[in-house]
């Protein structure tokens, strides 16, 4: 971690962009009480320093036909760098795996999987995850309803 100095305007810009990354510099300036040119310079600095990693649109999964979301816990038989790399390589080949985390606790990995339905989900589990030579256990919870989905960081 390197030392990055942020002031209240930087945090205000970050908070505003997390809510709506499509804001123009003029709109951003109105929200954070800076000129659009100051916002543009600050935003460019935040991007170049890697604090802002990118911009994305929030899509409605259900309206686009992605009706099944699941949290899947995976345990591996053994751990070595090559076995972990093999498992991560498998995950990177499949777009249905939207997020993957190496975690502490009773699972080795937690995956967030999004598919169009149960058949696609089942096919991924049975034809991709379970056959992996290092996977020993897969447990999934289907998300029935989302009560809160906050992306970004709680910075204001």
N, C-alpha and C. Protein backbone atom coordinates (compact mmCIF):
# COMPACT_ATOMS: atom_id res chain seq x y z
N UNK A 1 0.85 -1.18 0.00
CA UNK A 1 0.00 0.00 0.00
C UNK A 1 0.88 1.23 0.00
N UNK A 2 0.57 2.17 -0.87
CA UNK A 2 1.37 3.38 -0.91
C UNK A 2 0.57 4.54 -0.32
N UNK A 3 1.29 5.58 0.04
CA UNK A 3 0.69 6.72 0.72
C UNK A 3 0.01 7.64 -0.30
N UNK A 4 -1.30 7.74 -0.21
CA UNK A 4 -2.07 8.62 -1.09
C UNK A 4 -2.82 9.59 -0.21
N UNK A 5 -2.67 10.85 -0.52
CA UNK A 5 -3.33 11.89 0.27
C UNK A 5 -4.64 12.31 -0.40
N UNK A 6 -5.74 12.13 0.33
CA UNK A 6 -7.06 12.51 -0.18
C UNK A 6 -7.66 13.54 0.76
N UNK A 7 -8.34 14.53 0.20
CA UNK A 7 -9.02 15.52 1.03
C UNK A 7 -10.53 15.32 0.91
N UNK A 8 -11.27 16.19 1.57
CA UNK A 8 -12.73 16.04 1.60
C UNK A 8 -13.35 16.15 0.21
N UNK A 9 -12.75 16.95 -0.68
CA UNK A 9 -13.27 17.05 -2.04
C UNK A 9 -13.08 15.74 -2.81
N UNK A 10 -11.90 15.12 -2.62
CA UNK A 10 -11.66 13.83 -3.26
C UNK A 10 -12.69 12.80 -2.80
N UNK A 11 -12.93 12.74 -1.48
CA UNK A 11 -13.91 11.80 -0.96
C UNK A 11 -15.32 12.12 -1.47
N UNK A 12 -15.65 13.40 -1.59
CA UNK A 12 -16.97 13.79 -2.12
C UNK A 12 -17.09 13.37 -3.59
N UNK A 13 -16.03 13.54 -4.35
CA UNK A 13 -16.04 13.11 -5.75
C UNK A 13 -16.22 11.60 -5.84
N UNK A 14 -15.48 10.86 -5.03
CA UNK A 14 -15.59 9.39 -5.04
C UNK A 14 -17.00 8.95 -4.66
N UNK A 15 -17.57 9.56 -3.64
CA UNK A 15 -18.92 9.18 -3.21
C UNK A 15 -19.94 9.47 -4.31
N UNK A 16 -19.82 10.63 -4.95
CA UNK A 16 -20.76 10.99 -6.02
C UNK A 16 -20.62 10.06 -7.22
N UNK A 17 -19.39 9.72 -7.59
CA UNK A 17 -19.18 8.84 -8.74
C UNK A 17 -19.63 7.41 -8.47
N UNK A 18 -19.54 6.97 -7.21
CA UNK A 18 -20.04 5.63 -6.88
C UNK A 18 -21.55 5.56 -7.08
N UNK A 19 -22.24 6.66 -6.82
CA UNK A 19 -23.69 6.67 -6.99
C UNK A 19 -24.08 6.81 -8.46
N UNK A 20 -23.28 7.59 -9.20
CA UNK A 20 -23.60 7.80 -10.61
C UNK A 20 -22.31 8.14 -11.36
N UNK A 21 -21.72 7.15 -11.98
CA UNK A 21 -20.44 7.35 -12.67
C UNK A 21 -20.60 8.08 -14.00
N UNK A 22 -21.84 8.32 -14.41
CA UNK A 22 -22.08 9.01 -15.68
C UNK A 22 -22.16 10.52 -15.52
N UNK A 23 -21.93 11.03 -14.31
CA UNK A 23 -21.99 12.49 -14.10
C UNK A 23 -20.95 13.19 -14.96
N UNK A 24 -21.36 14.29 -15.55
CA UNK A 24 -20.39 15.13 -16.25
C UNK A 24 -19.57 15.86 -15.21
N UNK A 25 -18.45 16.44 -15.62
CA UNK A 25 -17.63 17.20 -14.68
C UNK A 25 -18.39 18.40 -14.13
N UNK A 26 -19.26 19.00 -14.94
CA UNK A 26 -20.07 20.13 -14.46
C UNK A 26 -21.05 19.67 -13.39
N UNK A 27 -21.72 18.53 -13.63
CA UNK A 27 -22.66 17.99 -12.64
C UNK A 27 -21.93 17.58 -11.36
N UNK A 28 -20.78 16.99 -11.54
CA UNK A 28 -19.96 16.60 -10.40
C UNK A 28 -19.53 17.83 -9.59
N UNK A 29 -19.12 18.86 -10.30
CA UNK A 29 -18.72 20.11 -9.65
C UNK A 29 -19.84 20.72 -8.83
N UNK A 30 -21.07 20.70 -9.37
CA UNK A 30 -22.23 21.21 -8.63
C UNK A 30 -22.44 20.42 -7.34
N UNK A 31 -22.22 19.12 -7.39
CA UNK A 31 -22.46 18.27 -6.20
C UNK A 31 -21.39 18.45 -5.13
N UNK A 32 -20.15 18.72 -5.54
CA UNK A 32 -19.05 18.77 -4.57
C UNK A 32 -18.50 20.18 -4.35
N UNK A 33 -19.14 21.17 -4.97
CA UNK A 33 -18.75 22.58 -4.80
C UNK A 33 -17.34 22.88 -5.30
N UNK A 34 -17.04 22.40 -6.49
CA UNK A 34 -15.79 22.71 -7.18
C UNK A 34 -16.13 23.03 -8.64
N UNK A 35 -15.20 23.68 -9.33
CA UNK A 35 -15.42 23.94 -10.75
C UNK A 35 -15.30 22.63 -11.53
N UNK A 36 -15.85 22.62 -12.72
CA UNK A 36 -15.77 21.40 -13.54
C UNK A 36 -14.32 21.08 -13.90
N UNK A 37 -13.48 22.10 -14.11
CA UNK A 37 -12.07 21.85 -14.44
C UNK A 37 -11.33 21.26 -13.24
N UNK A 38 -11.64 21.72 -12.03
CA UNK A 38 -11.02 21.14 -10.83
C UNK A 38 -11.47 19.67 -10.67
N UNK A 39 -12.74 19.42 -10.92
CA UNK A 39 -13.24 18.04 -10.83
C UNK A 39 -12.56 17.16 -11.87
N UNK A 40 -12.40 17.68 -13.06
CA UNK A 40 -11.75 16.91 -14.12
C UNK A 40 -10.32 16.55 -13.73
N UNK A 41 -9.57 17.51 -13.21
CA UNK A 41 -8.19 17.24 -12.79
C UNK A 41 -8.13 16.23 -11.64
N UNK A 42 -9.00 16.43 -10.66
CA UNK A 42 -9.01 15.53 -9.50
C UNK A 42 -9.42 14.11 -9.93
N UNK A 43 -10.43 14.03 -10.79
CA UNK A 43 -10.89 12.72 -11.26
C UNK A 43 -9.77 12.01 -12.04
N UNK A 44 -9.07 12.74 -12.88
CA UNK A 44 -7.96 12.16 -13.65
C UNK A 44 -6.86 11.67 -12.71
N UNK A 45 -6.57 12.43 -11.65
CA UNK A 45 -5.56 12.01 -10.68
C UNK A 45 -6.01 10.74 -9.94
N UNK A 46 -7.28 10.70 -9.53
CA UNK A 46 -7.81 9.53 -8.83
C UNK A 46 -7.76 8.29 -9.73
N UNK A 47 -7.98 8.49 -11.02
CA UNK A 47 -7.89 7.39 -11.98
C UNK A 47 -6.43 6.95 -12.16
N UNK A 48 -5.52 7.91 -12.35
CA UNK A 48 -4.12 7.56 -12.60
C UNK A 48 -3.46 6.92 -11.38
N UNK A 49 -3.93 7.27 -10.17
CA UNK A 49 -3.39 6.66 -8.96
C UNK A 49 -4.02 5.30 -8.66
N UNK A 50 -5.00 4.91 -9.47
CA UNK A 50 -5.61 3.61 -9.30
C UNK A 50 -6.71 3.55 -8.25
N UNK A 51 -7.07 4.69 -7.68
CA UNK A 51 -8.16 4.71 -6.70
C UNK A 51 -9.48 4.45 -7.41
N UNK A 52 -9.68 5.08 -8.55
CA UNK A 52 -10.81 4.76 -9.42
C UNK A 52 -10.30 3.74 -10.42
N UNK A 53 -10.83 2.52 -10.32
CA UNK A 53 -10.35 1.42 -11.15
C UNK A 53 -11.08 1.33 -12.48
N UNK A 54 -12.24 1.97 -12.60
CA UNK A 54 -13.00 1.89 -13.84
C UNK A 54 -14.43 2.33 -13.59
N UNK A 55 -15.23 2.26 -14.64
CA UNK A 55 -16.63 2.67 -14.57
C UNK A 55 -17.47 1.58 -15.20
N UNK A 56 -18.67 1.37 -14.65
CA UNK A 56 -19.54 0.34 -15.19
C UNK A 56 -21.00 0.73 -14.98
N UNK A 57 -21.85 0.25 -15.86
CA UNK A 57 -23.29 0.44 -15.71
C UNK A 57 -23.84 -0.66 -14.82
N UNK A 58 -24.82 -0.34 -13.99
CA UNK A 58 -25.50 -1.35 -13.18
C UNK A 58 -26.66 -1.90 -14.01
N UNK A 59 -26.64 -3.19 -14.26
CA UNK A 59 -27.65 -3.82 -15.11
C UNK A 59 -28.65 -4.58 -14.27
N UNK A 60 -29.88 -4.67 -14.77
CA UNK A 60 -30.93 -5.43 -14.10
C UNK A 60 -30.88 -6.86 -14.60
N UNK A 61 -30.36 -7.76 -13.75
CA UNK A 61 -30.15 -9.16 -14.14
C UNK A 61 -31.45 -9.84 -14.54
N UNK A 62 -32.52 -9.63 -13.78
CA UNK A 62 -33.79 -10.29 -14.08
C UNK A 62 -34.35 -9.86 -15.42
N UNK A 63 -34.32 -8.55 -15.70
CA UNK A 63 -34.84 -8.08 -16.98
C UNK A 63 -34.03 -8.58 -18.17
N UNK A 64 -32.78 -8.93 -17.91
CA UNK A 64 -31.92 -9.47 -18.98
C UNK A 64 -31.92 -10.99 -19.02
N UNK A 65 -32.80 -11.61 -18.22
CA UNK A 65 -32.96 -13.06 -18.29
C UNK A 65 -32.07 -13.87 -17.38
N UNK A 66 -31.33 -13.22 -16.48
CA UNK A 66 -30.48 -13.94 -15.55
C UNK A 66 -31.23 -14.10 -14.24
N UNK A 67 -32.00 -15.18 -14.14
CA UNK A 67 -32.92 -15.36 -13.04
C UNK A 67 -32.37 -16.12 -11.85
N UNK A 68 -31.17 -16.66 -11.95
CA UNK A 68 -30.64 -17.44 -10.83
C UNK A 68 -29.29 -16.89 -10.40
N UNK A 69 -29.21 -16.59 -9.12
CA UNK A 69 -27.93 -16.19 -8.53
C UNK A 69 -27.69 -17.10 -7.34
N UNK A 70 -26.45 -17.50 -7.16
CA UNK A 70 -26.12 -18.42 -6.07
C UNK A 70 -24.79 -18.05 -5.45
N UNK A 71 -24.68 -18.38 -4.18
CA UNK A 71 -23.41 -18.30 -3.47
C UNK A 71 -22.95 -19.75 -3.34
N UNK A 72 -21.76 -20.04 -3.85
CA UNK A 72 -21.25 -21.41 -3.85
C UNK A 72 -19.94 -21.47 -3.08
N UNK A 73 -19.89 -22.39 -2.13
CA UNK A 73 -18.69 -22.60 -1.33
C UNK A 73 -17.97 -23.83 -1.87
N UNK A 74 -16.68 -23.70 -2.07
CA UNK A 74 -15.88 -24.79 -2.64
C UNK A 74 -14.73 -25.11 -1.70
N UNK A 75 -14.53 -26.40 -1.47
CA UNK A 75 -13.36 -26.87 -0.72
C UNK A 75 -12.49 -27.70 -1.66
N UNK A 76 -11.18 -27.51 -1.51
CA UNK A 76 -10.21 -28.26 -2.31
C UNK A 76 -9.63 -29.39 -1.49
N UNK A 77 -9.18 -30.46 -2.18
CA UNK A 77 -8.59 -31.62 -1.51
C UNK A 77 -7.27 -31.26 -0.87
N UNK A 78 -6.47 -30.51 -1.59
CA UNK A 78 -5.13 -30.16 -1.12
C UNK A 78 -4.80 -28.76 -1.61
N UNK A 79 -3.79 -28.18 -0.99
CA UNK A 79 -3.39 -26.83 -1.37
C UNK A 79 -1.92 -26.80 -1.77
N UNK A 80 -1.71 -26.30 -2.94
CA UNK A 80 -0.37 -25.99 -3.42
C UNK A 80 -0.56 -24.88 -4.43
N UNK A 81 0.49 -24.21 -4.76
CA UNK A 81 0.39 -23.11 -5.71
C UNK A 81 -0.18 -23.58 -7.05
N UNK A 82 0.29 -24.73 -7.54
CA UNK A 82 -0.17 -25.20 -8.85
C UNK A 82 -1.64 -25.64 -8.81
N UNK A 83 -2.07 -26.25 -7.69
CA UNK A 83 -3.47 -26.66 -7.58
C UNK A 83 -4.39 -25.46 -7.49
N UNK A 84 -3.98 -24.47 -6.71
CA UNK A 84 -4.78 -23.25 -6.61
C UNK A 84 -4.84 -22.53 -7.96
N UNK A 85 -3.71 -22.47 -8.66
CA UNK A 85 -3.69 -21.82 -9.97
C UNK A 85 -4.58 -22.56 -10.96
N UNK A 86 -4.60 -23.87 -10.89
CA UNK A 86 -5.46 -24.67 -11.77
C UNK A 86 -6.93 -24.36 -11.51
N UNK A 87 -7.30 -24.23 -10.25
CA UNK A 87 -8.68 -23.92 -9.91
C UNK A 87 -9.05 -22.50 -10.35
N UNK A 88 -8.18 -21.54 -10.12
CA UNK A 88 -8.43 -20.17 -10.55
C UNK A 88 -8.52 -20.08 -12.07
N UNK A 89 -7.72 -20.86 -12.78
CA UNK A 89 -7.79 -20.89 -14.25
C UNK A 89 -9.14 -21.41 -14.70
N UNK A 90 -9.67 -22.43 -14.01
CA UNK A 90 -11.00 -22.94 -14.34
C UNK A 90 -12.04 -21.83 -14.17
N UNK A 91 -12.00 -21.12 -13.06
CA UNK A 91 -12.97 -20.06 -12.80
C UNK A 91 -12.91 -18.97 -13.86
N UNK A 92 -11.70 -18.62 -14.27
CA UNK A 92 -11.55 -17.52 -15.23
C UNK A 92 -12.13 -17.85 -16.61
N UNK A 93 -12.34 -19.14 -16.90
CA UNK A 93 -12.89 -19.56 -18.19
C UNK A 93 -14.42 -19.44 -18.24
N UNK A 94 -15.07 -19.21 -17.11
CA UNK A 94 -16.52 -19.28 -17.05
C UNK A 94 -17.14 -17.95 -16.59
N UNK A 95 -17.86 -17.32 -17.52
CA UNK A 95 -18.49 -16.03 -17.22
C UNK A 95 -19.58 -16.13 -16.16
N UNK A 96 -20.12 -17.32 -15.92
CA UNK A 96 -21.16 -17.45 -14.90
C UNK A 96 -20.60 -17.17 -13.51
N UNK A 97 -19.30 -17.32 -13.33
CA UNK A 97 -18.67 -16.98 -12.06
C UNK A 97 -18.39 -15.48 -12.10
N UNK A 98 -19.20 -14.73 -11.38
CA UNK A 98 -19.11 -13.27 -11.41
C UNK A 98 -18.11 -12.73 -10.41
N UNK A 99 -17.96 -13.42 -9.29
CA UNK A 99 -16.98 -13.03 -8.27
C UNK A 99 -16.45 -14.31 -7.66
N UNK A 100 -15.19 -14.29 -7.25
CA UNK A 100 -14.58 -15.44 -6.59
C UNK A 100 -13.62 -14.92 -5.53
N UNK A 101 -13.69 -15.54 -4.34
CA UNK A 101 -12.88 -15.11 -3.22
C UNK A 101 -12.23 -16.30 -2.55
N UNK A 102 -10.97 -16.17 -2.23
CA UNK A 102 -10.30 -17.11 -1.35
C UNK A 102 -10.59 -16.62 0.06
N UNK A 103 -11.11 -17.51 0.92
CA UNK A 103 -11.60 -17.05 2.22
C UNK A 103 -11.07 -17.92 3.36
N UNK A 104 -11.20 -17.37 4.56
CA UNK A 104 -10.95 -18.16 5.76
C UNK A 104 -12.28 -18.78 6.18
N UNK A 105 -12.24 -19.73 7.09
CA UNK A 105 -13.48 -20.34 7.55
C UNK A 105 -13.63 -21.75 7.01
N UNK A 106 -14.88 -22.18 6.86
CA UNK A 106 -15.13 -23.58 6.49
C UNK A 106 -15.08 -23.85 4.99
N UNK A 107 -14.86 -22.84 4.18
CA UNK A 107 -14.70 -23.03 2.73
C UNK A 107 -13.34 -22.47 2.32
N UNK A 108 -12.83 -22.98 1.22
CA UNK A 108 -11.59 -22.44 0.66
C UNK A 108 -11.88 -21.26 -0.27
N UNK A 109 -12.98 -21.39 -1.01
CA UNK A 109 -13.38 -20.34 -1.96
C UNK A 109 -14.87 -20.11 -1.84
N UNK A 110 -15.28 -18.87 -2.07
CA UNK A 110 -16.69 -18.54 -2.20
C UNK A 110 -16.88 -17.90 -3.57
N UNK A 111 -17.85 -18.42 -4.31
CA UNK A 111 -18.14 -17.95 -5.66
C UNK A 111 -19.52 -17.32 -5.70
N UNK A 112 -19.65 -16.24 -6.45
CA UNK A 112 -20.97 -15.68 -6.75
C UNK A 112 -21.23 -16.05 -8.20
N UNK A 113 -22.26 -16.87 -8.41
CA UNK A 113 -22.57 -17.41 -9.73
C UNK A 113 -23.91 -16.85 -10.19
N UNK A 114 -23.97 -16.41 -11.44
CA UNK A 114 -25.20 -15.89 -12.04
C UNK A 114 -25.46 -16.64 -13.34
N UNK A 115 -26.66 -17.23 -13.44
CA UNK A 115 -27.03 -17.95 -14.66
C UNK A 115 -28.46 -17.60 -15.06
N UNK A 116 -28.85 -18.07 -16.23
CA UNK A 116 -30.21 -17.82 -16.70
C UNK A 116 -31.23 -18.67 -15.96
N UNK A 117 -30.79 -19.80 -15.42
CA UNK A 117 -31.73 -20.67 -14.71
C UNK A 117 -31.04 -21.85 -14.08
N UNK A 118 -31.84 -22.72 -13.50
CA UNK A 118 -31.33 -23.87 -12.76
C UNK A 118 -30.57 -24.85 -13.65
N UNK A 119 -31.00 -25.05 -14.87
CA UNK A 119 -30.31 -25.99 -15.77
C UNK A 119 -28.89 -25.53 -16.05
N UNK A 120 -28.71 -24.25 -16.37
CA UNK A 120 -27.37 -23.71 -16.64
C UNK A 120 -26.51 -23.78 -15.38
N UNK A 121 -27.09 -23.48 -14.24
CA UNK A 121 -26.37 -23.55 -12.97
C UNK A 121 -25.92 -24.99 -12.70
N UNK A 122 -26.84 -25.93 -12.82
CA UNK A 122 -26.55 -27.34 -12.58
C UNK A 122 -25.47 -27.84 -13.55
N UNK A 123 -25.58 -27.46 -14.81
CA UNK A 123 -24.57 -27.87 -15.79
C UNK A 123 -23.18 -27.36 -15.40
N UNK A 124 -23.09 -26.11 -14.95
CA UNK A 124 -21.79 -25.56 -14.54
C UNK A 124 -21.23 -26.36 -13.36
N UNK A 125 -22.07 -26.62 -12.36
CA UNK A 125 -21.60 -27.35 -11.17
C UNK A 125 -21.17 -28.76 -11.56
N UNK A 126 -22.03 -29.48 -12.30
CA UNK A 126 -21.77 -30.90 -12.58
C UNK A 126 -20.75 -31.15 -13.69
N UNK A 127 -20.61 -30.21 -14.62
CA UNK A 127 -19.69 -30.44 -15.74
C UNK A 127 -18.38 -29.67 -15.63
N UNK A 128 -18.32 -28.74 -14.68
CA UNK A 128 -17.10 -27.93 -14.57
C UNK A 128 -16.48 -27.95 -13.17
N UNK A 129 -17.27 -27.62 -12.15
CA UNK A 129 -16.70 -27.57 -10.80
C UNK A 129 -16.40 -28.95 -10.23
N UNK A 130 -17.42 -29.81 -10.16
CA UNK A 130 -17.23 -31.11 -9.53
C UNK A 130 -16.18 -31.99 -10.21
N UNK A 131 -16.05 -31.96 -11.54
CA UNK A 131 -15.02 -32.80 -12.17
C UNK A 131 -13.58 -32.31 -11.97
N UNK A 132 -13.41 -31.08 -11.48
CA UNK A 132 -12.05 -30.58 -11.28
C UNK A 132 -11.33 -31.52 -10.31
N UNK A 133 -10.13 -31.97 -10.64
CA UNK A 133 -9.45 -32.99 -9.83
C UNK A 133 -9.15 -32.57 -8.39
N UNK A 134 -9.14 -31.31 -8.09
CA UNK A 134 -8.80 -30.87 -6.74
C UNK A 134 -10.02 -30.46 -5.93
N UNK A 135 -11.21 -30.46 -6.52
CA UNK A 135 -12.41 -30.07 -5.79
C UNK A 135 -12.93 -31.26 -5.00
N UNK A 136 -13.13 -31.05 -3.70
CA UNK A 136 -13.63 -32.12 -2.85
C UNK A 136 -15.07 -31.91 -2.40
N UNK A 137 -15.49 -30.65 -2.30
CA UNK A 137 -16.86 -30.38 -1.85
C UNK A 137 -17.35 -29.07 -2.45
N UNK A 138 -18.63 -29.08 -2.86
CA UNK A 138 -19.30 -27.89 -3.39
C UNK A 138 -20.65 -27.77 -2.69
N UNK A 139 -20.90 -26.63 -2.08
CA UNK A 139 -22.17 -26.37 -1.41
C UNK A 139 -22.69 -25.04 -1.93
N UNK A 140 -23.96 -25.00 -2.31
CA UNK A 140 -24.53 -23.79 -2.88
C UNK A 140 -25.79 -23.37 -2.16
N UNK A 141 -25.97 -22.07 -2.09
CA UNK A 141 -27.22 -21.47 -1.63
C UNK A 141 -27.75 -20.62 -2.77
N UNK A 142 -28.98 -20.88 -3.18
CA UNK A 142 -29.63 -20.09 -4.22
C UNK A 142 -30.15 -18.82 -3.55
N UNK A 143 -29.89 -17.68 -4.16
CA UNK A 143 -30.39 -16.41 -3.63
C UNK A 143 -31.86 -16.29 -4.03
N UNK A 144 -32.72 -16.24 -3.03
CA UNK A 144 -34.16 -16.15 -3.27
C UNK A 144 -34.61 -14.70 -3.46
N UNK A 145 -34.04 -13.82 -2.67
CA UNK A 145 -34.44 -12.41 -2.74
C UNK A 145 -33.28 -11.58 -2.23
N UNK A 146 -33.07 -10.45 -2.83
CA UNK A 146 -32.01 -9.55 -2.39
C UNK A 146 -32.62 -8.45 -1.53
N UNK A 147 -32.10 -8.30 -0.32
CA UNK A 147 -32.58 -7.25 0.56
C UNK A 147 -31.72 -6.00 0.48
N UNK A 148 -30.46 -6.16 0.11
CA UNK A 148 -29.56 -5.01 0.02
C UNK A 148 -28.42 -5.37 -0.91
N UNK A 149 -28.15 -4.49 -1.84
CA UNK A 149 -27.02 -4.65 -2.75
C UNK A 149 -26.31 -3.32 -2.85
N UNK A 150 -25.27 -3.16 -2.13
CA UNK A 150 -24.49 -1.93 -2.19
C UNK A 150 -23.15 -2.24 -2.82
N UNK A 151 -22.84 -1.60 -3.88
CA UNK A 151 -21.54 -1.72 -4.50
C UNK A 151 -20.69 -0.54 -4.05
N UNK A 152 -19.42 -0.67 -4.21
CA UNK A 152 -18.54 0.43 -3.82
C UNK A 152 -18.18 0.37 -2.36
N UNK A 153 -17.73 1.49 -1.85
CA UNK A 153 -17.26 1.59 -0.47
C UNK A 153 -18.08 2.60 0.31
N UNK A 154 -18.22 2.42 1.61
CA UNK A 154 -19.03 3.34 2.43
C UNK A 154 -18.25 4.62 2.78
N UNK A 155 -18.03 5.47 1.78
CA UNK A 155 -17.21 6.67 2.02
C UNK A 155 -18.03 7.95 2.13
N UNK A 156 -19.31 7.86 2.18
CA UNK A 156 -20.08 9.09 2.35
C UNK A 156 -21.31 9.02 1.61
